[in-house]
All heavy atoms as atom14 arrays in JSON, in Angstrom:
{
  "sequence": "TNQGVRARTEQLLTSLTAGLYERDKAMGLALLTAVAGESIFLL",
  "atom14_mask": [
    [1, 1, 1, 1, 1, 1, 1, 0, 0, 0, 0, 0, 0, 0],
    [1, 1, 1, 1, 1, 1, 1, 1, 0, 0, 0, 0, 0, 0],
    [1, 1, 1, 1, 1, 1, 1, 1, 1, 0, 0, 0, 0, 0],
    [1, 1, 1, 1, 0, 0, 0, 0, 0, 0, 0, 0, 0, 0],
    [1, 1, 1, 1, 1, 1, 1, 0, 0, 0, 0, 0, 0, 0],
    [1, 1, 1, 1, 1, 1, 1, 1, 1, 1, 1, 0, 0, 0],
    [1, 1, 1, 1, 1, 0, 0, 0, 0, 0, 0, 0, 0, 0],
    [1, 1, 1, 1, 1, 1, 1, 1, 1, 1, 1, 0, 0, 0],
    [1, 1, 1, 1, 1, 1, 1, 0, 0, 0, 0, 0, 0, 0],
    [1, 1, 1, 1, 1, 1, 1, 1, 1, 0, 0, 0, 0, 0],
    [1, 1, 1, 1, 1, 1, 1, 1, 1, 0, 0, 0, 0, 0],
    [1, 1, 1, 1, 1, 1, 1, 1, 0, 0, 0, 0, 0, 0],
    [1, 1, 1, 1, 1, 1, 1, 1, 0, 0, 0, 0, 0, 0],
    [1, 1, 1, 1, 1, 1, 1, 0, 0, 0, 0, 0, 0, 0],
    [1, 1, 1, 1, 1, 1, 0, 0, 0, 0, 0, 0, 0, 0],
    [1, 1, 1, 1, 1, 1, 1, 1, 0, 0, 0, 0, 0, 0],
    [1, 1, 1, 1, 1, 1, 1, 0, 0, 0, 0, 0, 0, 0],
    [1, 1, 1, 1, 1, 0, 0, 0, 0, 0, 0, 0, 0, 0],
    [1, 1, 1, 1, 0, 0, 0, 0, 0, 0, 0, 0, 0, 0],
    [1, 1, 1, 1, 1, 1, 1, 1, 0, 0, 0, 0, 0, 0],
    [1, 1, 1, 1, 1, 1, 1, 1, 1, 1, 1, 1, 0, 0],
    [1, 1, 1, 1, 1, 1, 1, 1, 1, 0, 0, 0, 0, 0],
    [1, 1, 1, 1, 1, 1, 1, 1, 1, 1, 1, 0, 0, 0],
    [1, 1, 1, 1, 1, 1, 1, 1, 0, 0, 0, 0, 0, 0],
    [1, 1, 1, 1, 1, 1, 1, 1, 1, 0, 0, 0, 0, 0],
    [1, 1, 1, 1, 1, 0, 0, 0, 0, 0, 0, 0, 0, 0],
    [1, 1, 1, 1, 1, 1, 1, 1, 0, 0, 0, 0, 0, 0],
    [1, 1, 1, 1, 0, 0, 0, 0, 0, 0, 0, 0, 0, 0],
    [1, 1, 1, 1, 1, 1, 1, 1, 0, 0, 0, 0, 0, 0],
    [1, 1, 1, 1, 1, 0, 0, 0, 0, 0, 0, 0, 0, 0],
    [1, 1, 1, 1, 1, 1, 1, 1, 0, 0, 0, 0, 0, 0],
    [1, 1, 1, 1, 1, 1, 1, 1, 0, 0, 0, 0, 0, 0],
    [1, 1, 1, 1, 1, 1, 1, 0, 0, 0, 0, 0, 0, 0],
    [1, 1, 1, 1, 1, 0, 0, 0, 0, 0, 0, 0, 0, 0],
    [1, 1, 1, 1, 1, 1, 1, 0, 0, 0, 0, 0, 0, 0],
    [1, 1, 1, 1, 1, 0, 0, 0, 0, 0, 0, 0, 0, 0],
    [1, 1, 1, 1, 0, 0, 0, 0, 0, 0, 0, 0, 0, 0],
    [1, 1, 1, 1, 1, 1, 1, 1, 1, 0, 0, 0, 0, 0],
    [1, 1, 1, 1, 1, 1, 0, 0, 0, 0, 0, 0, 0, 0],
    [1, 1, 1, 1, 1, 1, 1, 1, 0, 0, 0, 0, 0, 0],
    [1, 1, 1, 1, 1, 1, 1, 1, 1, 1, 1, 0, 0, 0],
    [1, 1, 1, 1, 1, 1, 1, 1, 0, 0, 0, 0, 0, 0],
    [1, 1, 1, 1, 1, 1, 1, 1, 0, 0, 0, 0, 0, 0]
  ],
  "atom14_positions": [
    [[-37.12, 27.14, -17.95], [-35.99, 27.11, -16.99], [-36.28, 26.22, -15.78], [-35.35, 25.8, -15.11], [-35.64, 28.54, -16.53], [-36.85, 29.13, -16.01], [-35.09, 29.36, -17.66], [0.0, 0.0, 0.0], [0.0, 0.0, 0.0], [0.0, 0.0, 0.0], [0.0, 0.0, 0.0], [0.0, 0.0, 0.0], [0.0, 0.0, 0.0], [0.0, 0.0, 0.0]],
    [[-37.55, 26.01, -15.47], [-37.82, 25.19, -14.3], [-38.51, 23.88, -14.66], [-39.11, 23.24, -13.8], [-38.63, 25.97, -13.26], [-40.06, 26.23, -13.68], [-40.38, 26.05, -14.83], [-40.87, 26.67, -12.75], [0.0, 0.0, 0.0], [0.0, 0.0, 0.0], [0.0, 0.0, 0.0], [0.0, 0.0, 0.0], [0.0, 0.0, 0.0], [0.0, 0.0, 0.0]],
    [[-38.49, 23.49, -15.92], [-39.06, 22.22, -16.32], [-38.28, 21.1, -15.63], [-37.06, 21.06, -15.65], [-38.96, 22.06, -17.85], [-39.95, 22.88, -18.62], [-41.38, 22.39, -18.46], [-41.58, 21.25, -18.05], [-42.36, 23.2, -18.77], [0.0, 0.0, 0.0], [0.0, 0.0, 0.0], [0.0, 0.0, 0.0], [0.0, 0.0, 0.0], [0.0, 0.0, 0.0]],
    [[-39.02, 20.19, -15.0], [-38.39, 19.03, -14.39], [-37.85, 19.27, -13.0], [-37.21, 18.38, -12.44], [0.0, 0.0, 0.0], [0.0, 0.0, 0.0], [0.0, 0.0, 0.0], [0.0, 0.0, 0.0], [0.0, 0.0, 0.0], [0.0, 0.0, 0.0], [0.0, 0.0, 0.0], [0.0, 0.0, 0.0], [0.0, 0.0, 0.0], [0.0, 0.0, 0.0]],
    [[-38.07, 20.46, -12.43], [-37.51, 20.74, -11.1], [-38.13, 19.81, -10.07], [-37.43, 19.25, -9.22], [-37.76, 22.23, -10.7], [-37.43, 22.46, -9.24], [-36.9, 23.13, -11.56], [0.0, 0.0, 0.0], [0.0, 0.0, 0.0], [0.0, 0.0, 0.0], [0.0, 0.0, 0.0], [0.0, 0.0, 0.0], [0.0, 0.0, 0.0], [0.0, 0.0, 0.0]],
    [[-39.43, 19.61, -10.11], [-40.09, 18.73, -9.14], [-39.6, 17.33, -9.26], [-39.28, 16.66, -8.27], [-41.59, 18.79, -9.29], [-42.28, 17.8, -8.32], [-43.78, 17.82, -8.38], [-44.27, 16.78, -7.47], [-45.17, 16.97, -6.56], [-45.67, 18.17, -6.35], [-45.56, 15.98, -5.78], [0.0, 0.0, 0.0], [0.0, 0.0, 0.0], [0.0, 0.0, 0.0]],
    [[-39.52, 16.82, -10.5], [-39.07, 15.43, -10.71], [-37.65, 15.26, -10.21], [-37.32, 14.23, -9.58], [-39.15, 15.07, -12.18], [0.0, 0.0, 0.0], [0.0, 0.0, 0.0], [0.0, 0.0, 0.0], [0.0, 0.0, 0.0], [0.0, 0.0, 0.0], [0.0, 0.0, 0.0], [0.0, 0.0, 0.0], [0.0, 0.0, 0.0], [0.0, 0.0, 0.0]],
    [[-36.84, 16.26, -10.44], [-35.44, 16.18, -9.97], [-35.38, 16.21, -8.45], [-34.59, 15.5, -7.84], [-34.67, 17.33, -10.57], [-33.16, 17.19, -10.39], [-32.44, 18.18, -11.2], [-31.02, 18.17, -11.0], [-30.19, 19.08, -11.48], [-30.69, 20.07, -12.21], [-28.89, 19.01, -11.26], [0.0, 0.0, 0.0], [0.0, 0.0, 0.0], [0.0, 0.0, 0.0]],
    [[-36.22, 17.07, -7.84], [-36.27, 17.11, -6.39], [-36.72, 15.78, -5.8], [-36.15, 15.3, -4.81], [-37.24, 18.23, -5.93], [-36.83, 19.47, -6.55], [-37.22, 18.37, -4.42], [0.0, 0.0, 0.0], [0.0, 0.0, 0.0], [0.0, 0.0, 0.0], [0.0, 0.0, 0.0], [0.0, 0.0, 0.0], [0.0, 0.0, 0.0], [0.0, 0.0, 0.0]],
    [[-37.71, 15.17, -6.42], [-38.18, 13.86, -5.95], [-37.07, 12.81, -6.05], [-36.89, 11.98, -5.17], [-39.41, 13.42, -6.76], [-40.66, 14.2, -6.41], [-41.87, 13.71, -7.21], [-41.81, 13.79, -8.44], [-42.85, 13.27, -6.6], [0.0, 0.0, 0.0], [0.0, 0.0, 0.0], [0.0, 0.0, 0.0], [0.0, 0.0, 0.0], [0.0, 0.0, 0.0]],
    [[-36.32, 12.84, -7.17], [-35.24, 11.88, -7.36], [-34.15, 12.11, -6.29], [-33.62, 11.14, -5.73], [-34.64, 12.06, -8.77], [-35.53, 11.62, -9.88], [-34.99, 12.01, -11.26], [-33.86, 12.48, -11.37], [-35.78, 11.79, -12.3], [0.0, 0.0, 0.0], [0.0, 0.0, 0.0], [0.0, 0.0, 0.0], [0.0, 0.0, 0.0], [0.0, 0.0, 0.0]],
    [[-33.87, 13.37, -6.01], [-32.87, 13.67, -4.97], [-33.31, 13.14, -3.62], [-32.53, 12.49, -2.9], [-32.65, 15.18, -4.9], [-31.45, 15.77, -5.66], [-31.43, 17.29, -5.5], [-30.15, 15.14, -5.2], [0.0, 0.0, 0.0], [0.0, 0.0, 0.0], [0.0, 0.0, 0.0], [0.0, 0.0, 0.0], [0.0, 0.0, 0.0], [0.0, 0.0, 0.0]],
    [[-34.56, 13.41, -3.27], [-35.06, 12.96, -1.96], [-35.08, 11.44, -1.87], [-34.78, 10.86, -0.83], [-36.46, 13.53, -1.71], [-36.52, 15.03, -1.42], [-37.95, 15.5, -1.34], [-35.78, 15.36, -0.13], [0.0, 0.0, 0.0], [0.0, 0.0, 0.0], [0.0, 0.0, 0.0], [0.0, 0.0, 0.0], [0.0, 0.0, 0.0], [0.0, 0.0, 0.0]],
    [[-35.46, 10.79, -2.96], [-35.48, 9.31, -2.96], [-34.06, 8.76, -2.73], [-33.86, 7.83, -1.96], [-36.02, 8.8, -4.31], [-37.37, 9.27, -4.48], [-36.03, 7.28, -4.33], [0.0, 0.0, 0.0], [0.0, 0.0, 0.0], [0.0, 0.0, 0.0], [0.0, 0.0, 0.0], [0.0, 0.0, 0.0], [0.0, 0.0, 0.0], [0.0, 0.0, 0.0]],
    [[-33.07, 9.37, -3.42], [-31.68, 8.92, -3.26], [-31.14, 9.26, -1.89], [-30.44, 8.44, -1.26], [-30.79, 9.56, -4.35], [-31.24, 9.2, -5.64], [0.0, 0.0, 0.0], [0.0, 0.0, 0.0], [0.0, 0.0, 0.0], [0.0, 0.0, 0.0], [0.0, 0.0, 0.0], [0.0, 0.0, 0.0], [0.0, 0.0, 0.0], [0.0, 0.0, 0.0]],
    [[-31.46, 10.45, -1.36], [-30.92, 10.88, -0.1], [-31.48, 10.05, 1.08], [-30.81, 9.84, 2.08], [-31.25, 12.36, 0.15], [-30.5, 13.38, -0.73], [-31.08, 14.77, -0.55], [-29.01, 13.37, -0.35], [0.0, 0.0, 0.0], [0.0, 0.0, 0.0], [0.0, 0.0, 0.0], [0.0, 0.0, 0.0], [0.0, 0.0, 0.0], [0.0, 0.0, 0.0]],
    [[-32.72, 9.59, 0.94], [-33.33, 8.84, 2.03], [-33.18, 7.33, 1.87], [-33.71, 6.58, 2.72], [-34.85, 9.2, 2.11], [-35.46, 8.96, 0.85], [-35.03, 10.66, 2.5], [0.0, 0.0, 0.0], [0.0, 0.0, 0.0], [0.0, 0.0, 0.0], [0.0, 0.0, 0.0], [0.0, 0.0, 0.0], [0.0, 0.0, 0.0], [0.0, 0.0, 0.0]],
    [[-32.54, 6.88, 0.84], [-32.34, 5.43, 0.64], [-31.52, 4.88, 1.81], [-30.45, 5.36, 2.12], [-31.62, 5.16, -0.67], [0.0, 0.0, 0.0], [0.0, 0.0, 0.0], [0.0, 0.0, 0.0], [0.0, 0.0, 0.0], [0.0, 0.0, 0.0], [0.0, 0.0, 0.0], [0.0, 0.0, 0.0], [0.0, 0.0, 0.0], [0.0, 0.0, 0.0]],
    [[-32.07, 3.86, 2.46], [-31.4, 3.26, 3.61], [-31.69, 3.94, 4.92], [-31.26, 3.49, 5.97], [0.0, 0.0, 0.0], [0.0, 0.0, 0.0], [0.0, 0.0, 0.0], [0.0, 0.0, 0.0], [0.0, 0.0, 0.0], [0.0, 0.0, 0.0], [0.0, 0.0, 0.0], [0.0, 0.0, 0.0], [0.0, 0.0, 0.0], [0.0, 0.0, 0.0]],
    [[-32.44, 5.04, 4.89], [-32.86, 5.75, 6.13], [-34.31, 5.41, 6.42], [-35.12, 5.21, 5.52], [-32.69, 7.27, 5.95], [-31.33, 7.79, 5.52], [-31.32, 9.3, 5.54], [-30.21, 7.24, 6.39], [0.0, 0.0, 0.0], [0.0, 0.0, 0.0], [0.0, 0.0, 0.0], [0.0, 0.0, 0.0], [0.0, 0.0, 0.0], [0.0, 0.0, 0.0]],
    [[-34.63, 5.32, 7.7], [-35.98, 4.94, 8.09], [-36.6, 6.04, 8.97], [-35.98, 6.49, 9.94], [-35.96, 3.6, 8.83], [-35.46, 2.48, 7.94], [-34.09, 2.17, 7.88], [-36.35, 1.75, 7.14], [-33.63, 1.15, 7.06], [-35.88, 0.73, 6.31], [-34.53, 0.44, 6.28], [-34.08, -0.59, 5.44], [0.0, 0.0, 0.0], [0.0, 0.0, 0.0]],
    [[-37.8, 6.47, 8.56], [-38.55, 7.52, 9.28], [-37.76, 8.81, 9.37], [-37.82, 9.53, 10.36], [-38.97, 7.02, 10.68], [-39.91, 5.83, 10.64], [-40.38, 5.4, 12.01], [-40.25, 6.2, 12.98], [-40.93, 4.3, 12.12], [0.0, 0.0, 0.0], [0.0, 0.0, 0.0], [0.0, 0.0, 0.0], [0.0, 0.0, 0.0], [0.0, 0.0, 0.0]],
    [[-37.0, 9.1, 8.33], [-36.21, 10.34, 8.3], [-36.53, 11.14, 7.03], [-35.79, 12.03, 6.67], [-34.73, 10.03, 8.38], [-34.28, 9.46, 9.71], [-34.49, 10.46, 10.83], [-34.17, 9.92, 12.16], [-35.07, 9.44, 13.0], [-36.37, 9.45, 12.66], [-34.7, 8.98, 14.19], [0.0, 0.0, 0.0], [0.0, 0.0, 0.0], [0.0, 0.0, 0.0]],
    [[-37.66, 10.79, 6.38], [-38.02, 11.5, 5.14], [-38.28, 12.98, 5.41], [-37.88, 13.86, 4.65], [-39.27, 10.87, 4.49], [-38.96, 9.47, 3.96], [-37.85, 8.98, 4.18], [-39.85, 8.87, 3.33], [0.0, 0.0, 0.0], [0.0, 0.0, 0.0], [0.0, 0.0, 0.0], [0.0, 0.0, 0.0], [0.0, 0.0, 0.0], [0.0, 0.0, 0.0]],
    [[-39.02, 13.26, 6.51], [-39.34, 14.65, 6.82], [-38.07, 15.42, 7.1], [-37.88, 16.57, 6.58], [-40.28, 14.73, 8.01], [-40.62, 16.17, 8.39], [-41.3, 16.27, 9.77], [-42.69, 15.68, 9.73], [-43.42, 15.91, 11.01], [0.0, 0.0, 0.0], [0.0, 0.0, 0.0], [0.0, 0.0, 0.0], [0.0, 0.0, 0.0], [0.0, 0.0, 0.0]],
    [[-37.2, 14.9, 7.92], [-35.96, 15.61, 8.29], [-35.11, 15.86, 7.06], [-34.59, 16.98, 6.87], [-35.19, 14.8, 9.32], [0.0, 0.0, 0.0], [0.0, 0.0, 0.0], [0.0, 0.0, 0.0], [0.0, 0.0, 0.0], [0.0, 0.0, 0.0], [0.0, 0.0, 0.0], [0.0, 0.0, 0.0], [0.0, 0.0, 0.0], [0.0, 0.0, 0.0]],
    [[-34.94, 14.86, 6.2], [-34.12, 15.04, 5.0], [-34.78, 16.01, 4.04], [-34.1, 16.86, 3.42], [-33.89, 13.7, 4.32], [-32.91, 13.76, 3.17], [-31.25, 14.37, 3.64], [-30.61, 12.86, 4.44], [0.0, 0.0, 0.0], [0.0, 0.0, 0.0], [0.0, 0.0, 0.0], [0.0, 0.0, 0.0], [0.0, 0.0, 0.0], [0.0, 0.0, 0.0]],
    [[-36.09, 15.96, 3.91], [-36.8, 16.86, 3.03], [-36.65, 18.3, 3.49], [-36.39, 19.21, 2.68], [0.0, 0.0, 0.0], [0.0, 0.0, 0.0], [0.0, 0.0, 0.0], [0.0, 0.0, 0.0], [0.0, 0.0, 0.0], [0.0, 0.0, 0.0], [0.0, 0.0, 0.0], [0.0, 0.0, 0.0], [0.0, 0.0, 0.0], [0.0, 0.0, 0.0]],
    [[-36.83, 18.55, 4.78], [-36.69, 19.9, 5.3], [-35.25, 20.4, 5.23], [-34.99, 21.59, 5.0], [-37.18, 19.96, 6.75], [-38.71, 19.79, 6.96], [-39.03, 19.73, 8.43], [-39.45, 20.92, 6.29], [0.0, 0.0, 0.0], [0.0, 0.0, 0.0], [0.0, 0.0, 0.0], [0.0, 0.0, 0.0], [0.0, 0.0, 0.0], [0.0, 0.0, 0.0]],
    [[-34.29, 19.5, 5.41], [-32.89, 19.86, 5.29], [-32.56, 20.28, 3.86], [-31.87, 21.31, 3.64], [-32.0, 18.69, 5.71], [0.0, 0.0, 0.0], [0.0, 0.0, 0.0], [0.0, 0.0, 0.0], [0.0, 0.0, 0.0], [0.0, 0.0, 0.0], [0.0, 0.0, 0.0], [0.0, 0.0, 0.0], [0.0, 0.0, 0.0], [0.0, 0.0, 0.0]],
    [[-33.05, 19.54, 2.86], [-32.83, 19.92, 1.46], [-33.51, 21.22, 1.11], [-32.95, 22.09, 0.46], [-33.3, 18.8, 0.54], [-33.17, 19.08, -0.97], [-31.69, 19.22, -1.34], [-33.83, 17.97, -1.79], [0.0, 0.0, 0.0], [0.0, 0.0, 0.0], [0.0, 0.0, 0.0], [0.0, 0.0, 0.0], [0.0, 0.0, 0.0], [0.0, 0.0, 0.0]],
    [[-34.77, 21.39, 1.63], [-35.52, 22.61, 1.36], [-34.79, 23.83, 1.91], [-34.66, 24.85, 1.22], [-36.92, 22.5, 1.98], [-37.81, 23.72, 1.91], [-38.13, 24.07, 0.46], [-39.08, 23.51, 2.69], [0.0, 0.0, 0.0], [0.0, 0.0, 0.0], [0.0, 0.0, 0.0], [0.0, 0.0, 0.0], [0.0, 0.0, 0.0], [0.0, 0.0, 0.0]],
    [[-34.32, 23.73, 3.16], [-33.62, 24.89, 3.76], [-32.3, 25.16, 3.03], [-31.9, 26.3, 2.9], [-33.35, 24.64, 5.25], [-32.68, 23.38, 5.42], [-34.66, 24.61, 6.04], [0.0, 0.0, 0.0], [0.0, 0.0, 0.0], [0.0, 0.0, 0.0], [0.0, 0.0, 0.0], [0.0, 0.0, 0.0], [0.0, 0.0, 0.0], [0.0, 0.0, 0.0]],
    [[-31.63, 24.09, 2.57], [-30.38, 24.28, 1.86], [-30.59, 25.04, 0.55], [-29.84, 25.97, 0.19], [-29.69, 22.95, 1.6], [0.0, 0.0, 0.0], [0.0, 0.0, 0.0], [0.0, 0.0, 0.0], [0.0, 0.0, 0.0], [0.0, 0.0, 0.0], [0.0, 0.0, 0.0], [0.0, 0.0, 0.0], [0.0, 0.0, 0.0], [0.0, 0.0, 0.0]],
    [[-31.64, 24.65, -0.21], [-31.94, 25.33, -1.47], [-32.35, 26.77, -1.19], [-32.04, 27.68, -1.96], [-33.02, 24.59, -2.25], [-33.42, 25.36, -3.52], [-32.52, 23.19, -2.64], [0.0, 0.0, 0.0], [0.0, 0.0, 0.0], [0.0, 0.0, 0.0], [0.0, 0.0, 0.0], [0.0, 0.0, 0.0], [0.0, 0.0, 0.0], [0.0, 0.0, 0.0]],
    [[-33.06, 26.96, -0.08], [-33.5, 28.32, 0.28], [-32.35, 29.17, 0.86], [-32.49, 30.37, 1.04], [-34.63, 28.27, 1.3], [0.0, 0.0, 0.0], [0.0, 0.0, 0.0], [0.0, 0.0, 0.0], [0.0, 0.0, 0.0], [0.0, 0.0, 0.0], [0.0, 0.0, 0.0], [0.0, 0.0, 0.0], [0.0, 0.0, 0.0], [0.0, 0.0, 0.0]],
    [[-31.22, 28.5, 1.16], [-30.1, 29.2, 1.76], [-30.27, 29.51, 3.23], [-29.73, 30.45, 3.74], [0.0, 0.0, 0.0], [0.0, 0.0, 0.0], [0.0, 0.0, 0.0], [0.0, 0.0, 0.0], [0.0, 0.0, 0.0], [0.0, 0.0, 0.0], [0.0, 0.0, 0.0], [0.0, 0.0, 0.0], [0.0, 0.0, 0.0], [0.0, 0.0, 0.0]],
    [[-31.05, 28.64, 3.91], [-31.35, 28.87, 5.33], [-30.74, 27.75, 6.18], [-30.01, 26.88, 5.68], [-32.88, 28.94, 5.52], [-33.51, 30.15, 4.88], [-33.04, 31.46, 5.46], [-32.5, 31.46, 6.58], [-33.16, 32.5, 4.76], [0.0, 0.0, 0.0], [0.0, 0.0, 0.0], [0.0, 0.0, 0.0], [0.0, 0.0, 0.0], [0.0, 0.0, 0.0]],
    [[-31.03, 27.77, 7.46], [-30.46, 26.83, 8.41], [-31.55, 26.04, 9.11], [-32.72, 26.49, 9.17], [-29.62, 27.57, 9.44], [-30.38, 28.57, 10.07], [0.0, 0.0, 0.0], [0.0, 0.0, 0.0], [0.0, 0.0, 0.0], [0.0, 0.0, 0.0], [0.0, 0.0, 0.0], [0.0, 0.0, 0.0], [0.0, 0.0, 0.0], [0.0, 0.0, 0.0]],
    [[-31.17, 24.9, 9.62], [-32.13, 24.02, 10.33], [-31.49, 23.52, 11.61], [-30.28, 23.21, 11.65], [-32.56, 22.83, 9.42], [-33.57, 21.92, 10.13], [-31.37, 22.04, 8.94], [-34.18, 20.86, 9.24], [0.0, 0.0, 0.0], [0.0, 0.0, 0.0], [0.0, 0.0, 0.0], [0.0, 0.0, 0.0], [0.0, 0.0, 0.0], [0.0, 0.0, 0.0]],
    [[-32.29, 23.46, 12.66], [-31.83, 22.95, 13.95], [-32.55, 21.64, 14.25], [-33.78, 21.58, 14.16], [-32.13, 23.97, 15.07], [-31.87, 23.44, 16.45], [-30.58, 23.28, 16.94], [-32.92, 23.09, 17.28], [-30.34, 22.79, 18.21], [-32.72, 22.59, 18.55], [-31.41, 22.44, 19.03], [0.0, 0.0, 0.0], [0.0, 0.0, 0.0], [0.0, 0.0, 0.0]],
    [[-31.81, 20.6, 14.57], [-32.34, 19.29, 14.91], [-32.19, 19.06, 16.39], [-31.09, 19.1, 16.93], [-31.63, 18.2, 14.11], [-31.65, 18.35, 12.61], [-30.84, 17.21, 11.95], [-33.06, 18.37, 12.06], [0.0, 0.0, 0.0], [0.0, 0.0, 0.0], [0.0, 0.0, 0.0], [0.0, 0.0, 0.0], [0.0, 0.0, 0.0], [0.0, 0.0, 0.0]],
    [[-33.31, 18.79, 17.05], [-33.33, 18.53, 18.49], [-33.58, 17.04, 18.72], [-34.58, 16.5, 18.24], [-34.42, 19.36, 19.16], [-34.66, 19.13, 20.65], [-33.45, 19.53, 21.47], [-35.91, 19.84, 21.14], [0.0, 0.0, 0.0], [0.0, 0.0, 0.0], [0.0, 0.0, 0.0], [0.0, 0.0, 0.0], [0.0, 0.0, 0.0], [0.0, 0.0, 0.0]]
  ]
}
C-alpha cells in the first residue's frame, strides 16, 4: 500500500518547487504539514 510513496513525494516536491529559489524547505514543510493535516505559520 505504500510502495512508491517516497518517489511520489520527491516528484511532487520537484514539481512544486520548479521555478522557486531557496524555497525548498518552506515548500517541503508545507506539503508535510498538509499530509499530516496540520498548519504552518510563515514569518
